[in-house]
Amino acid sequence: MDKQRLDKLREISHRYCRKEGGAHGPDHSERVCQMALRLGREMDADPEILTAAALLHDIGRAEESASKGAICHAEYGAKLADSILKELEFSSDCIGKICHCIRAHRYRGACPPQSLEAKILFDADKLDSIGAIGIGRAFLFAGQIGACLHNPELDPRETESYSNQDSAYREFQVKMTRVKGRLLTPAGAKIAANRHQFMEIFFDRLNREIYGSD
């Protein structure tokens, strides 16, 4: 991809992602892009498709947040990306592939990733939600919504998301522990296993420090 087109994509990505900010700010998309390219090199994927899809994968998030979840950011983002990519004169074939990656990166059953690039983007996005990065993002999100620092004494099934009970530890129990089993590529699964192990060590240490048993 030529530098002018890449710079424009990055500018557009940052503009949309700054609207959401926090754990899904521009730095998240940049990390996902770097991880996608890393995985892509191992699996001989198309770097142009991966770069564009990764930078644009969360441009619909602010709309999802404003609608309180009524709008799917992956589906909405793919529609936004279609227009953006046409303006940047990507080929129709590339646009279709990139938009599929964006639409499928939030895979909940309706739109499973079909292409190699879509599977890689899915994995790159999920990897950014675990490990040291995932822990940092979880605490950042907890701070944004005013959640407590730590609440290991509470059953996560009896707590509410987006409340002061939605701590980083709750995020680990409810979501982050499940990520390693959802990766779609061998390279992604290997990284996920390592990052998962670190999270277990970290939260075990945090639990012991909270109760003075370290």
N, C-alpha and C. Protein backbone atom coordinates (compact mmCIF):
# COMPACT_ATOMS: atom_id res chain seq x y z
N MET A 1 0.85 -1.19 0.00
CA MET A 1 0.00 0.00 0.00
C MET A 1 0.88 1.24 0.00
N ASP A 2 0.56 2.21 -0.86
CA ASP A 2 1.39 3.41 -0.92
C ASP A 2 1.18 4.27 0.33
N LYS A 3 2.18 5.06 0.66
CA LYS A 3 2.19 5.83 1.89
C LYS A 3 1.03 6.83 1.96
N GLN A 4 0.69 7.45 0.87
CA GLN A 4 -0.39 8.45 0.88
C GLN A 4 -1.72 7.81 1.27
N ARG A 5 -1.99 6.66 0.68
CA ARG A 5 -3.24 5.96 1.00
C ARG A 5 -3.24 5.47 2.44
N LEU A 6 -2.10 4.95 2.89
CA LEU A 6 -1.99 4.48 4.28
C LEU A 6 -2.18 5.63 5.26
N ASP A 7 -1.56 6.75 4.99
CA ASP A 7 -1.70 7.91 5.87
C ASP A 7 -3.16 8.37 5.95
N LYS A 8 -3.85 8.33 4.83
CA LYS A 8 -5.26 8.73 4.81
C LYS A 8 -6.12 7.75 5.60
N LEU A 9 -5.86 6.47 5.44
CA LEU A 9 -6.59 5.45 6.20
C LEU A 9 -6.38 5.63 7.69
N ARG A 10 -5.13 5.88 8.08
CA ARG A 10 -4.80 6.06 9.49
C ARG A 10 -5.49 7.31 10.04
N GLU A 11 -5.51 8.38 9.28
CA GLU A 11 -6.17 9.61 9.70
C GLU A 11 -7.67 9.39 9.92
N ILE A 12 -8.30 8.66 9.00
CA ILE A 12 -9.73 8.38 9.11
C ILE A 12 -10.00 7.48 10.32
N SER A 13 -9.18 6.45 10.47
CA SER A 13 -9.33 5.53 11.60
C SER A 13 -9.23 6.27 12.92
N HIS A 14 -8.24 7.10 13.08
CA HIS A 14 -8.04 7.83 14.33
C HIS A 14 -9.20 8.79 14.60
N ARG A 15 -9.70 9.42 13.56
CA ARG A 15 -10.80 10.37 13.74
C ARG A 15 -12.05 9.68 14.29
N TYR A 16 -12.38 8.53 13.73
CA TYR A 16 -13.56 7.78 14.21
C TYR A 16 -13.32 7.20 15.60
N CYS A 17 -12.13 6.63 15.82
CA CYS A 17 -11.86 5.95 17.08
C CYS A 17 -11.71 6.91 18.26
N ARG A 18 -11.31 8.14 17.98
CA ARG A 18 -11.23 9.13 19.07
C ARG A 18 -12.61 9.44 19.63
N LYS A 19 -13.66 9.27 18.84
CA LYS A 19 -15.02 9.51 19.32
C LYS A 19 -15.39 8.52 20.43
N GLU A 20 -14.87 7.31 20.32
CA GLU A 20 -15.13 6.28 21.33
C GLU A 20 -14.13 6.40 22.47
N GLY A 21 -12.85 6.51 22.12
CA GLY A 21 -11.81 6.71 23.12
C GLY A 21 -11.64 5.53 24.06
N GLY A 22 -10.91 5.78 25.15
CA GLY A 22 -10.71 4.75 26.17
C GLY A 22 -10.07 3.49 25.62
N ALA A 23 -10.61 2.36 26.01
CA ALA A 23 -10.05 1.07 25.62
C ALA A 23 -10.19 0.79 24.13
N HIS A 24 -11.02 1.55 23.44
CA HIS A 24 -11.19 1.37 22.00
C HIS A 24 -10.75 2.61 21.21
N GLY A 25 -9.78 3.33 21.75
CA GLY A 25 -9.24 4.49 21.07
C GLY A 25 -8.33 4.10 19.92
N PRO A 26 -7.72 5.10 19.27
CA PRO A 26 -6.85 4.83 18.11
C PRO A 26 -5.71 3.87 18.40
N ASP A 27 -5.19 3.88 19.64
CA ASP A 27 -4.08 2.99 19.96
C ASP A 27 -4.48 1.52 19.85
N HIS A 28 -5.75 1.22 20.13
CA HIS A 28 -6.25 -0.16 20.00
C HIS A 28 -6.18 -0.60 18.54
N SER A 29 -6.69 0.21 17.64
CA SER A 29 -6.67 -0.15 16.22
C SER A 29 -5.26 -0.29 15.69
N GLU A 30 -4.36 0.55 16.18
CA GLU A 30 -2.96 0.46 15.74
C GLU A 30 -2.33 -0.85 16.21
N ARG A 31 -2.60 -1.26 17.45
CA ARG A 31 -2.07 -2.53 17.94
C ARG A 31 -2.64 -3.71 17.18
N VAL A 32 -3.94 -3.66 16.92
CA VAL A 32 -4.58 -4.74 16.17
C VAL A 32 -3.97 -4.84 14.78
N CYS A 33 -3.68 -3.69 14.18
CA CYS A 33 -3.06 -3.68 12.85
C CYS A 33 -1.68 -4.35 12.89
N GLN A 34 -0.87 -4.01 13.87
CA GLN A 34 0.46 -4.59 13.98
C GLN A 34 0.39 -6.10 14.23
N MET A 35 -0.54 -6.53 15.08
CA MET A 35 -0.67 -7.96 15.36
C MET A 35 -1.19 -8.69 14.12
N ALA A 36 -2.14 -8.10 13.42
CA ALA A 36 -2.68 -8.72 12.21
C ALA A 36 -1.58 -8.92 11.17
N LEU A 37 -0.72 -7.92 11.01
CA LEU A 37 0.38 -8.03 10.06
C LEU A 37 1.39 -9.09 10.50
N ARG A 38 1.63 -9.17 11.81
CA ARG A 38 2.53 -10.20 12.33
C ARG A 38 2.00 -11.60 12.03
N LEU A 39 0.72 -11.81 12.32
CA LEU A 39 0.11 -13.11 12.03
C LEU A 39 0.06 -13.36 10.53
N GLY A 40 -0.23 -12.30 9.78
CA GLY A 40 -0.33 -12.42 8.34
C GLY A 40 0.97 -12.84 7.69
N ARG A 41 2.09 -12.36 8.21
CA ARG A 41 3.38 -12.76 7.66
C ARG A 41 3.63 -14.25 7.87
N GLU A 42 3.17 -14.78 8.99
CA GLU A 42 3.35 -16.20 9.27
C GLU A 42 2.49 -17.08 8.37
N MET A 43 1.36 -16.52 7.92
CA MET A 43 0.40 -17.32 7.15
C MET A 43 0.25 -16.87 5.71
N ASP A 44 1.13 -15.98 5.28
CA ASP A 44 1.14 -15.52 3.89
C ASP A 44 -0.20 -14.90 3.48
N ALA A 45 -0.73 -14.05 4.33
CA ALA A 45 -1.99 -13.35 4.05
C ALA A 45 -1.71 -12.04 3.31
N ASP A 46 -2.74 -11.41 2.79
CA ASP A 46 -2.62 -10.17 2.03
C ASP A 46 -2.45 -8.99 2.99
N PRO A 47 -1.28 -8.34 3.02
CA PRO A 47 -1.05 -7.26 3.98
C PRO A 47 -1.91 -6.02 3.73
N GLU A 48 -2.25 -5.76 2.48
CA GLU A 48 -3.07 -4.59 2.17
C GLU A 48 -4.48 -4.76 2.74
N ILE A 49 -5.04 -5.95 2.57
CA ILE A 49 -6.38 -6.25 3.12
C ILE A 49 -6.34 -6.15 4.64
N LEU A 50 -5.32 -6.74 5.25
CA LEU A 50 -5.20 -6.74 6.70
C LEU A 50 -5.04 -5.33 7.26
N THR A 51 -4.19 -4.53 6.63
CA THR A 51 -3.94 -3.17 7.12
C THR A 51 -5.21 -2.33 7.09
N ALA A 52 -5.89 -2.33 5.96
CA ALA A 52 -7.11 -1.52 5.84
C ALA A 52 -8.20 -2.02 6.79
N ALA A 53 -8.38 -3.32 6.86
CA ALA A 53 -9.43 -3.88 7.72
C ALA A 53 -9.15 -3.61 9.19
N ALA A 54 -7.89 -3.75 9.60
CA ALA A 54 -7.54 -3.54 11.01
C ALA A 54 -7.71 -2.07 11.40
N LEU A 55 -7.27 -1.17 10.56
CA LEU A 55 -7.38 0.25 10.89
C LEU A 55 -8.83 0.71 10.95
N LEU A 56 -9.69 0.08 10.15
CA LEU A 56 -11.09 0.52 10.08
C LEU A 56 -12.05 -0.36 10.87
N HIS A 57 -11.55 -1.39 11.55
CA HIS A 57 -12.47 -2.39 12.12
C HIS A 57 -13.39 -1.84 13.21
N ASP A 58 -12.99 -0.77 13.89
CA ASP A 58 -13.81 -0.25 14.99
C ASP A 58 -14.41 1.14 14.70
N ILE A 59 -14.47 1.54 13.46
CA ILE A 59 -14.97 2.89 13.16
C ILE A 59 -16.47 3.04 13.45
N GLY A 60 -17.16 1.94 13.66
CA GLY A 60 -18.58 2.02 13.99
C GLY A 60 -18.89 1.97 15.47
N ARG A 61 -17.86 1.95 16.31
CA ARG A 61 -18.07 1.76 17.75
C ARG A 61 -18.83 2.90 18.41
N ALA A 62 -18.52 4.13 18.05
CA ALA A 62 -19.20 5.27 18.68
C ALA A 62 -20.71 5.20 18.41
N GLU A 63 -21.08 4.75 17.23
CA GLU A 63 -22.50 4.63 16.89
C GLU A 63 -23.15 3.53 17.71
N GLU A 64 -22.45 2.44 17.92
CA GLU A 64 -22.99 1.36 18.76
C GLU A 64 -23.19 1.85 20.19
N SER A 65 -22.21 2.59 20.70
CA SER A 65 -22.32 3.11 22.07
C SER A 65 -23.48 4.08 22.20
N ALA A 66 -23.63 4.95 21.21
CA ALA A 66 -24.72 5.94 21.25
C ALA A 66 -26.09 5.27 21.20
N SER A 67 -26.17 4.12 20.53
CA SER A 67 -27.45 3.41 20.41
C SER A 67 -27.65 2.42 21.55
N LYS A 68 -26.67 2.38 22.49
CA LYS A 68 -26.71 1.45 23.63
C LYS A 68 -26.79 0.00 23.18
N GLY A 69 -26.07 -0.29 22.10
CA GLY A 69 -25.97 -1.66 21.62
C GLY A 69 -26.98 -2.06 20.57
N ALA A 70 -27.91 -1.17 20.24
CA ALA A 70 -28.92 -1.51 19.23
C ALA A 70 -28.29 -1.65 17.85
N ILE A 71 -27.23 -0.90 17.61
CA ILE A 71 -26.50 -0.97 16.34
C ILE A 71 -25.23 -1.77 16.55
N CYS A 72 -24.98 -2.73 15.68
CA CYS A 72 -23.76 -3.54 15.74
C CYS A 72 -22.62 -2.75 15.10
N HIS A 73 -21.55 -2.51 15.86
CA HIS A 73 -20.47 -1.69 15.32
C HIS A 73 -19.75 -2.36 14.16
N ALA A 74 -19.74 -3.68 14.12
CA ALA A 74 -19.08 -4.38 13.02
C ALA A 74 -19.85 -4.20 11.72
N GLU A 75 -21.15 -4.37 11.79
CA GLU A 75 -21.99 -4.21 10.60
C GLU A 75 -22.01 -2.76 10.13
N TYR A 76 -22.18 -1.85 11.08
CA TYR A 76 -22.21 -0.43 10.74
C TYR A 76 -20.85 0.03 10.22
N GLY A 77 -19.79 -0.46 10.84
CA GLY A 77 -18.44 -0.11 10.42
C GLY A 77 -18.14 -0.57 9.01
N ALA A 78 -18.63 -1.75 8.65
CA ALA A 78 -18.42 -2.26 7.29
C ALA A 78 -19.10 -1.37 6.26
N LYS A 79 -20.27 -0.86 6.60
CA LYS A 79 -20.96 0.06 5.69
C LYS A 79 -20.20 1.37 5.54
N LEU A 80 -19.70 1.89 6.66
CA LEU A 80 -18.89 3.11 6.59
C LEU A 80 -17.63 2.87 5.76
N ALA A 81 -17.01 1.73 5.98
CA ALA A 81 -15.77 1.41 5.29
C ALA A 81 -15.97 1.30 3.78
N ASP A 82 -17.10 0.79 3.37
CA ASP A 82 -17.39 0.65 1.95
C ASP A 82 -17.28 2.00 1.24
N SER A 83 -17.89 3.02 1.83
CA SER A 83 -17.84 4.36 1.24
C SER A 83 -16.43 4.95 1.30
N ILE A 84 -15.77 4.75 2.42
CA ILE A 84 -14.41 5.29 2.61
C ILE A 84 -13.46 4.68 1.58
N LEU A 85 -13.54 3.37 1.40
CA LEU A 85 -12.63 2.67 0.50
C LEU A 85 -12.89 3.03 -0.96
N LYS A 86 -14.14 3.29 -1.29
CA LYS A 86 -14.46 3.74 -2.66
C LYS A 86 -13.84 5.10 -2.93
N GLU A 87 -13.92 5.99 -1.94
CA GLU A 87 -13.33 7.32 -2.09
C GLU A 87 -11.81 7.24 -2.25
N LEU A 88 -11.20 6.25 -1.61
CA LEU A 88 -9.76 6.07 -1.70
C LEU A 88 -9.36 5.22 -2.91
N GLU A 89 -10.35 4.87 -3.74
CA GLU A 89 -10.15 4.18 -5.01
C GLU A 89 -9.54 2.78 -4.86
N PHE A 90 -9.98 2.06 -3.82
CA PHE A 90 -9.66 0.65 -3.75
C PHE A 90 -10.48 -0.10 -4.79
N SER A 91 -9.98 -1.23 -5.25
CA SER A 91 -10.74 -2.02 -6.22
C SER A 91 -11.97 -2.62 -5.56
N SER A 92 -12.97 -2.95 -6.35
CA SER A 92 -14.20 -3.53 -5.79
C SER A 92 -13.91 -4.86 -5.12
N ASP A 93 -12.96 -5.62 -5.65
CA ASP A 93 -12.59 -6.90 -5.05
C ASP A 93 -11.99 -6.68 -3.66
N CYS A 94 -11.08 -5.72 -3.55
CA CYS A 94 -10.46 -5.41 -2.25
C CYS A 94 -11.50 -4.91 -1.26
N ILE A 95 -12.39 -4.07 -1.71
CA ILE A 95 -13.42 -3.52 -0.83
C ILE A 95 -14.28 -4.64 -0.25
N GLY A 96 -14.67 -5.57 -1.09
CA GLY A 96 -15.47 -6.70 -0.60
C GLY A 96 -14.74 -7.51 0.45
N LYS A 97 -13.45 -7.77 0.23
CA LYS A 97 -12.66 -8.55 1.17
C LYS A 97 -12.45 -7.81 2.49
N ILE A 98 -12.16 -6.52 2.40
CA ILE A 98 -11.93 -5.71 3.60
C ILE A 98 -13.21 -5.60 4.42
N CYS A 99 -14.31 -5.34 3.75
CA CYS A 99 -15.59 -5.18 4.47
C CYS A 99 -16.03 -6.50 5.11
N HIS A 100 -15.73 -7.62 4.48
CA HIS A 100 -16.04 -8.91 5.12
C HIS A 100 -15.24 -9.05 6.42
N CYS A 101 -13.96 -8.69 6.38
CA CYS A 101 -13.13 -8.77 7.59
C CYS A 101 -13.72 -7.94 8.72
N ILE A 102 -14.14 -6.72 8.39
CA ILE A 102 -14.70 -5.82 9.40
C ILE A 102 -16.02 -6.37 9.94
N ARG A 103 -16.87 -6.83 9.03
CA ARG A 103 -18.18 -7.34 9.43
C ARG A 103 -18.06 -8.58 10.30
N ALA A 104 -17.02 -9.39 10.05
CA ALA A 104 -16.88 -10.68 10.75
C ALA A 104 -16.00 -10.61 11.99
N HIS A 105 -15.38 -9.47 12.27
CA HIS A 105 -14.41 -9.44 13.38
C HIS A 105 -15.07 -9.56 14.75
N ARG A 106 -16.38 -9.32 14.81
CA ARG A 106 -17.10 -9.41 16.08
C ARG A 106 -17.88 -10.72 16.15
N TYR A 107 -17.48 -11.69 15.41
CA TYR A 107 -18.21 -12.94 15.23
C TYR A 107 -19.02 -13.38 16.43
N ARG A 108 -20.36 -13.33 16.28
CA ARG A 108 -21.27 -13.82 17.31
C ARG A 108 -22.16 -14.95 16.76
N GLY A 109 -21.91 -15.35 15.51
CA GLY A 109 -22.72 -16.40 14.92
C GLY A 109 -23.34 -16.00 13.60
N ALA A 110 -23.66 -14.72 13.43
CA ALA A 110 -24.36 -14.26 12.24
C ALA A 110 -23.43 -14.15 11.03
N CYS A 111 -22.17 -13.78 11.28
CA CYS A 111 -21.24 -13.58 10.18
C CYS A 111 -19.86 -14.15 10.53
N PRO A 112 -19.69 -15.45 10.39
CA PRO A 112 -18.40 -16.06 10.73
C PRO A 112 -17.31 -15.65 9.74
N PRO A 113 -16.08 -15.47 10.21
CA PRO A 113 -14.97 -15.13 9.31
C PRO A 113 -14.72 -16.27 8.33
N GLN A 114 -14.72 -15.95 7.04
CA GLN A 114 -14.54 -16.97 6.01
C GLN A 114 -13.13 -16.97 5.43
N SER A 115 -12.60 -15.79 5.17
CA SER A 115 -11.29 -15.70 4.54
C SER A 115 -10.17 -15.80 5.57
N LEU A 116 -8.97 -16.06 5.08
CA LEU A 116 -7.81 -16.09 5.96
C LEU A 116 -7.62 -14.75 6.65
N GLU A 117 -7.77 -13.67 5.89
CA GLU A 117 -7.58 -12.33 6.45
C GLU A 117 -8.63 -12.03 7.52
N ALA A 118 -9.86 -12.48 7.32
CA ALA A 118 -10.91 -12.25 8.31
C ALA A 118 -10.61 -13.00 9.60
N LYS A 119 -10.12 -14.21 9.47
CA LYS A 119 -9.76 -15.00 10.66
C LYS A 119 -8.60 -14.36 11.41
N ILE A 120 -7.66 -13.83 10.66
CA ILE A 120 -6.50 -13.17 11.28
C ILE A 120 -6.94 -11.91 12.01
N LEU A 121 -7.79 -11.10 11.40
CA LEU A 121 -8.27 -9.89 12.07
C LEU A 121 -9.04 -10.25 13.33
N PHE A 122 -9.87 -11.26 13.26
CA PHE A 122 -10.61 -11.72 14.44
C PHE A 122 -9.64 -12.05 15.57
N ASP A 123 -8.61 -12.82 15.24
CA ASP A 123 -7.64 -13.22 16.26
C ASP A 123 -6.86 -12.02 16.80
N ALA A 124 -6.44 -11.13 15.91
CA ALA A 124 -5.66 -9.96 16.34
C ALA A 124 -6.47 -9.08 17.29
N ASP A 125 -7.75 -8.93 17.00
CA ASP A 125 -8.63 -8.13 17.86
C ASP A 125 -8.82 -8.80 19.22
N LYS A 126 -9.00 -10.10 19.22
CA LYS A 126 -9.20 -10.82 20.47
C LYS A 126 -7.91 -10.84 21.32
N LEU A 127 -6.76 -10.95 20.66
CA LEU A 127 -5.50 -10.96 21.39
C LEU A 127 -5.26 -9.64 22.12
N ASP A 128 -5.81 -8.56 21.60
CA ASP A 128 -5.65 -7.26 22.27
C ASP A 128 -6.52 -7.14 23.51
N SER A 129 -7.37 -8.13 23.74
CA SER A 129 -8.26 -8.08 24.91
C SER A 129 -7.75 -8.95 26.05
N ILE A 130 -6.60 -9.60 25.86
CA ILE A 130 -6.05 -10.46 26.91
C ILE A 130 -4.57 -10.14 27.15
N GLY A 131 -3.96 -10.86 28.10
CA GLY A 131 -2.57 -10.60 28.43
C GLY A 131 -2.41 -9.29 29.17
N ALA A 132 -1.19 -8.76 29.20
CA ALA A 132 -0.92 -7.51 29.89
C ALA A 132 -1.73 -6.36 29.30
N ILE A 133 -1.84 -6.34 27.98
CA ILE A 133 -2.64 -5.30 27.32
C ILE A 133 -4.10 -5.40 27.74
N GLY A 134 -4.62 -6.62 27.72
CA GLY A 134 -6.02 -6.81 28.09
C GLY A 134 -6.30 -6.39 29.52
N ILE A 135 -5.39 -6.69 30.43
CA ILE A 135 -5.54 -6.28 31.82
C ILE A 135 -5.55 -4.76 31.91
N GLY A 136 -4.61 -4.12 31.23
CA GLY A 136 -4.57 -2.66 31.24
C GLY A 136 -5.84 -2.05 30.70
N ARG A 137 -6.35 -2.60 29.61
CA ARG A 137 -7.60 -2.08 29.02
C ARG A 137 -8.79 -2.31 29.96
N ALA A 138 -8.79 -3.45 30.65
CA ALA A 138 -9.88 -3.75 31.58
C ALA A 138 -9.92 -2.75 32.73
N PHE A 139 -8.75 -2.40 33.26
CA PHE A 139 -8.70 -1.41 34.34
C PHE A 139 -9.05 -0.02 33.81
N LEU A 140 -8.63 0.28 32.59
CA LEU A 140 -8.98 1.55 31.98
C LEU A 140 -10.50 1.69 31.84
N PHE A 141 -11.14 0.63 31.36
CA PHE A 141 -12.59 0.64 31.20
C PHE A 141 -13.29 0.76 32.56
N ALA A 142 -12.80 0.01 33.55
CA ALA A 142 -13.39 0.08 34.89
C ALA A 142 -13.31 1.50 35.44
N GLY A 143 -12.19 2.16 35.19
CA GLY A 143 -12.04 3.54 35.65
C GLY A 143 -13.00 4.48 34.95
N GLN A 144 -13.23 4.23 33.66
CA GLN A 144 -14.15 5.08 32.90
C GLN A 144 -15.56 5.03 33.45
N ILE A 145 -15.99 3.86 33.90
CA ILE A 145 -17.38 3.71 34.37
C ILE A 145 -17.48 3.82 35.89
N GLY A 146 -16.36 4.08 36.57
CA GLY A 146 -16.39 4.26 38.02
C GLY A 146 -16.50 2.98 38.81
N ALA A 147 -15.99 1.88 38.26
CA ALA A 147 -16.04 0.61 38.98
C ALA A 147 -14.99 0.56 40.08
N CYS A 148 -15.17 -0.34 41.03
CA CYS A 148 -14.21 -0.48 42.12
C CYS A 148 -12.93 -1.13 41.60
N LEU A 149 -11.88 -1.05 42.41
CA LEU A 149 -10.59 -1.60 41.98
C LEU A 149 -10.63 -3.12 41.85
N HIS A 150 -11.23 -3.78 42.84
CA HIS A 150 -11.18 -5.24 42.86
C HIS A 150 -12.33 -5.77 43.71
N ASN A 151 -12.95 -6.86 43.26
CA ASN A 151 -14.09 -7.41 44.01
C ASN A 151 -14.15 -8.94 43.89
N PRO A 152 -13.09 -9.63 44.32
CA PRO A 152 -13.06 -11.09 44.18
C PRO A 152 -14.10 -11.80 45.04
N GLU A 153 -14.65 -11.11 46.02
CA GLU A 153 -15.63 -11.77 46.90
C GLU A 153 -17.01 -11.88 46.25
N LEU A 154 -17.23 -11.18 45.14
CA LEU A 154 -18.54 -11.21 44.49
C LEU A 154 -18.61 -12.27 43.40
N ASP A 155 -19.74 -12.96 43.32
CA ASP A 155 -19.99 -13.91 42.24
C ASP A 155 -20.26 -13.11 40.97
N PRO A 156 -19.46 -13.27 39.91
CA PRO A 156 -19.66 -12.46 38.70
C PRO A 156 -21.03 -12.65 38.07
N ARG A 157 -21.68 -13.78 38.34
CA ARG A 157 -23.02 -14.02 37.79
C ARG A 157 -24.07 -13.14 38.46
N GLU A 158 -23.72 -12.58 39.62
CA GLU A 158 -24.67 -11.74 40.34
C GLU A 158 -24.30 -10.26 40.27
N THR A 159 -23.38 -9.93 39.40
CA THR A 159 -22.97 -8.53 39.22
C THR A 159 -23.45 -8.03 37.86
N GLU A 160 -23.44 -6.72 37.70
CA GLU A 160 -23.94 -6.12 36.47
C GLU A 160 -22.82 -5.44 35.69
N SER A 161 -22.88 -5.59 34.38
CA SER A 161 -21.92 -4.88 33.54
C SER A 161 -22.26 -3.40 33.53
N TYR A 162 -21.27 -2.58 33.25
CA TYR A 162 -21.42 -1.12 33.21
C TYR A 162 -21.91 -0.54 34.54
N SER A 163 -21.57 -1.23 35.64
CA SER A 163 -21.91 -0.73 36.96
C SER A 163 -20.63 -0.63 37.78
N ASN A 164 -20.74 -0.15 39.06
CA ASN A 164 -19.54 -0.05 39.88
C ASN A 164 -19.01 -1.42 40.29
N GLN A 165 -19.74 -2.48 39.92
CA GLN A 165 -19.29 -3.85 40.18
C GLN A 165 -18.47 -4.41 39.02
N ASP A 166 -18.44 -3.68 37.92
CA ASP A 166 -17.81 -4.18 36.69
C ASP A 166 -16.31 -3.90 36.72
N SER A 167 -15.62 -4.57 37.62
CA SER A 167 -14.19 -4.38 37.80
C SER A 167 -13.40 -5.12 36.73
N ALA A 168 -12.10 -4.89 36.70
CA ALA A 168 -11.24 -5.62 35.77
C ALA A 168 -11.26 -7.12 36.08
N TYR A 169 -11.38 -7.48 37.36
CA TYR A 169 -11.43 -8.88 37.73
C TYR A 169 -12.70 -9.54 37.20
N ARG A 170 -13.81 -8.82 37.26
CA ARG A 170 -15.06 -9.35 36.70
C ARG A 170 -14.90 -9.57 35.20
N GLU A 171 -14.26 -8.63 34.52
CA GLU A 171 -14.03 -8.76 33.08
C GLU A 171 -13.19 -10.01 32.81
N PHE A 172 -12.20 -10.26 33.66
CA PHE A 172 -11.38 -11.45 33.51
C PHE A 172 -12.21 -12.72 33.68
N GLN A 173 -13.05 -12.74 34.72
CA GLN A 173 -13.85 -13.93 35.00
C GLN A 173 -14.91 -14.19 33.91
N VAL A 174 -15.54 -13.12 33.45
CA VAL A 174 -16.68 -13.26 32.55
C VAL A 174 -16.26 -13.39 31.08
N LYS A 175 -15.24 -12.64 30.67
CA LYS A 175 -14.92 -12.59 29.25
C LYS A 175 -13.49 -13.05 28.91
N MET A 176 -12.51 -12.48 29.62
CA MET A 176 -11.12 -12.69 29.21
C MET A 176 -10.68 -14.14 29.30
N THR A 177 -11.21 -14.89 30.26
CA THR A 177 -10.81 -16.29 30.41
C THR A 177 -11.29 -17.15 29.24
N ARG A 178 -12.28 -16.69 28.51
CA ARG A 178 -12.86 -17.48 27.42
C ARG A 178 -12.17 -17.25 26.08
N VAL A 179 -11.37 -16.20 26.00
CA VAL A 179 -10.82 -15.80 24.71
C VAL A 179 -9.90 -16.86 24.11
N LYS A 180 -9.06 -17.47 24.91
CA LYS A 180 -8.05 -18.40 24.36
C LYS A 180 -8.69 -19.57 23.62
N GLY A 181 -9.91 -19.91 23.96
CA GLY A 181 -10.59 -21.02 23.29
C GLY A 181 -11.31 -20.63 22.03
N ARG A 182 -11.26 -19.34 21.67
CA ARG A 182 -12.02 -18.86 20.51
C ARG A 182 -11.14 -18.50 19.32
N LEU A 183 -9.83 -18.56 19.47
CA LEU A 183 -8.94 -18.16 18.39
C LEU A 183 -9.08 -19.09 17.19
N LEU A 184 -8.91 -18.53 16.00
CA LEU A 184 -9.18 -19.27 14.77
C LEU A 184 -7.93 -19.71 14.01
N THR A 185 -6.78 -19.20 14.38
CA THR A 185 -5.54 -19.57 13.69
C THR A 185 -4.56 -20.20 14.68
N PRO A 186 -3.73 -21.13 14.23
CA PRO A 186 -2.75 -21.76 15.12
C PRO A 186 -1.79 -20.74 15.73
N ALA A 187 -1.34 -19.77 14.93
CA ALA A 187 -0.41 -18.76 15.44
C ALA A 187 -1.08 -17.90 16.51
N GLY A 188 -2.34 -17.54 16.29
CA GLY A 188 -3.06 -16.74 17.27
C GLY A 188 -3.31 -17.52 18.55
N ALA A 189 -3.63 -18.80 18.42
CA ALA A 189 -3.90 -19.64 19.59
C ALA A 189 -2.66 -19.79 20.46
N LYS A 190 -1.50 -19.87 19.83
CA LYS A 190 -0.24 -20.01 20.59
C LYS A 190 0.02 -18.77 21.43
N ILE A 191 -0.18 -17.59 20.84
CA ILE A 191 0.01 -16.33 21.57
C ILE A 191 -1.02 -16.22 22.69
N ALA A 192 -2.26 -16.61 22.40
CA ALA A 192 -3.34 -16.52 23.39
C ALA A 192 -3.04 -17.37 24.61
N ALA A 193 -2.50 -18.55 24.41
CA ALA A 193 -2.20 -19.44 25.54
C ALA A 193 -1.18 -18.79 26.47
N ASN A 194 -0.18 -18.16 25.90
CA ASN A 194 0.84 -17.49 26.70
C ASN A 194 0.26 -16.30 27.46
N ARG A 195 -0.57 -15.52 26.78
CA ARG A 195 -1.17 -14.35 27.42
C ARG A 195 -2.16 -14.76 28.50
N HIS A 196 -2.88 -15.84 28.28
CA HIS A 196 -3.82 -16.32 29.28
C HIS A 196 -3.09 -16.73 30.56
N GLN A 197 -1.98 -17.40 30.39
CA GLN A 197 -1.19 -17.82 31.55
C GLN A 197 -0.75 -16.62 32.38
N PHE A 198 -0.34 -15.55 31.70
CA PHE A 198 0.08 -14.35 32.42
C PHE A 198 -1.08 -13.75 33.21
N MET A 199 -2.29 -13.73 32.62
CA MET A 199 -3.45 -13.17 33.33
C MET A 199 -3.75 -13.95 34.59
N GLU A 200 -3.65 -15.27 34.54
CA GLU A 200 -3.91 -16.08 35.72
C GLU A 200 -2.90 -15.76 36.83
N ILE A 201 -1.64 -15.59 36.45
CA ILE A 201 -0.60 -15.25 37.43
C ILE A 201 -0.88 -13.87 38.03
N PHE A 202 -1.23 -12.91 37.17
CA PHE A 202 -1.47 -11.54 37.64
C PHE A 202 -2.64 -11.47 38.61
N PHE A 203 -3.78 -12.06 38.25
CA PHE A 203 -4.94 -11.93 39.13
C PHE A 203 -4.81 -12.78 40.38
N ASP A 204 -4.06 -13.87 40.32
CA ASP A 204 -3.77 -14.62 41.54
C ASP A 204 -2.94 -13.75 42.49
N ARG A 205 -1.95 -13.08 41.93
CA ARG A 205 -1.12 -12.18 42.74
C ARG A 205 -1.96 -11.04 43.31
N LEU A 206 -2.81 -10.45 42.49
CA LEU A 206 -3.65 -9.34 42.95
C LEU A 206 -4.57 -9.79 44.09
N ASN A 207 -5.17 -10.96 43.95
CA ASN A 207 -6.04 -11.47 45.01
C ASN A 207 -5.28 -11.61 46.33
N ARG A 208 -4.05 -12.14 46.23
CA ARG A 208 -3.28 -12.32 47.46
C ARG A 208 -2.85 -10.99 48.08
N GLU A 209 -2.52 -10.01 47.24
CA GLU A 209 -2.14 -8.70 47.77
C GLU A 209 -3.33 -7.99 48.40
N ILE A 210 -4.48 -8.11 47.80
CA ILE A 210 -5.68 -7.43 48.33
C ILE A 210 -5.97 -7.90 49.76
N TYR A 211 -5.78 -9.20 50.00
CA TYR A 211 -6.08 -9.74 51.33
C TYR A 211 -4.84 -9.89 52.20
N GLY A 212 -3.72 -9.32 51.75
CA GLY A 212 -2.52 -9.31 52.58
C GLY A 212 -1.88 -10.68 52.77
N SER A 213 -2.12 -11.58 51.84
CA SER A 213 -1.56 -12.93 52.00
C SER A 213 -0.38 -13.17 51.06
N ASP A 214 0.12 -12.10 50.44
CA ASP A 214 1.27 -12.27 49.53
C ASP A 214 2.56 -12.41 50.32
